[in-house]
Amino acid sequence: MTLTLHYDANPVETVPTTTQLTVNYVDRNGQPIAPSTTQSGDQGTKFSIDVPAIDGYRSVQINHNPLRGPTT
C-alpha cells in the first residue's frame, strides 16, 4: 500500500472573520430576566463570560450547543 501526501508551495492565508456572541439571560420559560450582552471577536478564538448574579434568580443551566459562525 502506498500513501501519497500532496503539498502546496505557498500555504493558504486565512483571514479571521469578526463575529458577535450574544448572551441571553432567561428564566425556565424563556422569558428575559436581564438585558442581553454581546461580545465581538475573531471567529474561532476562545471566549469567556462571567455568569452574573441576578436578583431573585440562580443559575441552573448553561446551554452548551456548539457555536457556529454564519454560513454562506
C-alpha atoms as a PDB file:
ATOM      1  CA  MET A   1       0.000   0.000   0.000  1.00  0.00           C
ATOM      2  CA  THR A   2       1.227   3.485  -0.826  1.00  0.00           C
ATOM      3  CA  LEU A   3       0.053   6.720   0.762  1.00  0.00           C
ATOM      4  CA  THR A   4       0.819   9.914  -1.146  1.00  0.00           C
ATOM      5  CA  LEU A   5       0.617  13.309   0.567  1.00  0.00           C
ATOM      6  CA  HIS A   6       0.299  16.433  -1.580  1.00  0.00           C
ATOM      7  CA  TYR A   7       1.552  19.877  -0.565  1.00  0.00           C
ATOM      8  CA  ASP A   8       1.132  23.406  -1.911  1.00  0.00           C
ATOM      9  CA  ALA A   9       4.224  25.548  -2.289  1.00  0.00           C
ATOM     10  CA  ASN A  10       2.582  28.510  -0.542  1.00  0.00           C
ATOM     11  CA  PRO A  11       0.257  27.966   2.436  1.00  0.00           C
ATOM     12  CA  VAL A  12      -3.249  29.338   2.118  1.00  0.00           C
ATOM     13  CA  GLU A  13      -3.574  32.500   4.178  1.00  0.00           C
ATOM     14  CA  THR A  14      -6.684  32.676   6.305  1.00  0.00           C
ATOM     15  CA  VAL A  15      -8.270  35.958   7.266  1.00  0.00           C
ATOM     16  CA  PRO A  16     -10.086  35.991  10.624  1.00  0.00           C
ATOM     17  CA  THR A  17     -13.764  36.807  10.420  1.00  0.00           C
ATOM     18  CA  THR A  18     -15.113  39.049  13.154  1.00  0.00           C
ATOM     19  CA  THR A  19     -18.295  37.764  14.723  1.00  0.00           C
ATOM     20  CA  GLN A  20     -20.549  38.609  17.666  1.00  0.00           C
ATOM     21  CA  LEU A  21     -21.636  36.400  20.541  1.00  0.00           C
ATOM     22  CA  THR A  22     -24.955  37.302  22.184  1.00  0.00           C
ATOM     23  CA  VAL A  23     -25.689  36.005  25.686  1.00  0.00           C
ATOM     24  CA  ASN A  24     -29.355  35.883  26.712  1.00  0.00           C
ATOM     25  CA  TYR A  25     -30.425  35.663  30.367  1.00  0.00           C
ATOM     26  CA  VAL A  26     -33.804  33.928  30.591  1.00  0.00           C
ATOM     27  CA  ASP A  27     -35.961  32.050  33.111  1.00  0.00           C
ATOM     28  CA  ARG A  28     -37.080  28.428  32.611  1.00  0.00           C
ATOM     29  CA  ASN A  29     -39.994  29.702  30.489  1.00  0.00           C
ATOM     30  CA  GLY A  30     -37.610  31.519  28.153  1.00  0.00           C
ATOM     31  CA  GLN A  31     -38.635  34.962  29.398  1.00  0.00           C
ATOM     32  CA  PRO A  32     -35.845  37.576  29.594  1.00  0.00           C
ATOM     33  CA  ILE A  33     -34.815  38.460  33.166  1.00  0.00           C
ATOM     34  CA  ALA A  34     -31.857  40.735  32.354  1.00  0.00           C
ATOM     35  CA  PRO A  35     -30.607  42.606  29.288  1.00  0.00           C
ATOM     36  CA  SER A  36     -28.652  40.541  26.749  1.00  0.00           C
ATOM     37  CA  THR A  37     -24.926  41.160  26.437  1.00  0.00           C
ATOM     38  CA  THR A  38     -22.716  40.916  23.343  1.00  0.00           C
ATOM     39  CA  GLN A  39     -19.033  40.313  22.704  1.00  0.00           C
ATOM     40  CA  SER A  40     -17.110  40.735  19.460  1.00  0.00           C
ATOM     41  CA  GLY A  41     -14.075  38.746  18.427  1.00  0.00           C
ATOM     42  CA  ASP A  42     -12.359  36.759  15.724  1.00  0.00           C
ATOM     43  CA  GLN A  43     -14.231  33.628  14.742  1.00  0.00           C
ATOM     44  CA  GLY A  44     -12.540  30.505  16.079  1.00  0.00           C
ATOM     45  CA  THR A  45     -10.947  32.174  19.106  1.00  0.00           C
ATOM     46  CA  LYS A  46     -11.830  31.276  22.678  1.00  0.00           C
ATOM     47  CA  PHE A  47     -14.170  33.420  24.700  1.00  0.00           C
ATOM     48  CA  SER A  48     -15.308  33.557  28.298  1.00  0.00           C
ATOM     49  CA  ILE A  49     -18.209  35.139  30.105  1.00  0.00           C
ATOM     50  CA  ASP A  50     -18.937  35.850  33.723  1.00  0.00           C
ATOM     51  CA  VAL A  51     -22.233  34.405  34.958  1.00  0.00           C
ATOM     52  CA  PRO A  52     -23.825  37.411  36.660  1.00  0.00           C
ATOM     53  CA  ALA A  53     -25.899  37.292  39.829  1.00  0.00           C
ATOM     54  CA  ILE A  54     -29.490  38.305  39.014  1.00  0.00           C
ATOM     55  CA  ASP A  55     -31.677  39.312  41.947  1.00  0.00           C
ATOM     56  CA  GLY A  56     -34.350  36.706  42.646  1.00  0.00           C
ATOM     57  CA  TYR A  57     -32.732  34.036  40.406  1.00  0.00           C
ATOM     58  CA  ARG A  58     -29.940  31.461  40.465  1.00  0.00           C
ATOM     59  CA  SER A  59     -28.107  29.970  37.501  1.00  0.00           C
ATOM     60  CA  VAL A  60     -29.359  26.421  36.811  1.00  0.00           C
ATOM     61  CA  GLN A  61     -28.369  25.627  33.213  1.00  0.00           C
ATOM     62  CA  ILE A  62     -25.944  26.774  30.584  1.00  0.00           C
ATOM     63  CA  ASN A  63     -26.784  25.815  27.010  1.00  0.00           C
ATOM     64  CA  HIS A  64     -23.709  24.023  25.635  1.00  0.00           C
ATOM     65  CA  ASN A  65     -24.720  23.882  21.974  1.00  0.00           C
ATOM     66  CA  PRO A  66     -21.730  24.296  19.668  1.00  0.00           C
ATOM     67  CA  LEU A  67     -21.279  27.833  18.442  1.00  0.00           C
ATOM     68  CA  ARG A  68     -21.159  28.268  14.689  1.00  0.00           C
ATOM     69  CA  GLY A  69     -20.468  31.349  12.678  1.00  0.00           C
ATOM     70  CA  PRO A  70     -22.556  32.479   9.736  1.00  0.00           C
ATOM     71  CA  THR A  71     -22.556  30.198   6.710  1.00  0.00           C
ATOM     72  CA  THR A  72     -22.543  31.340   3.123  1.00  0.00           C
END
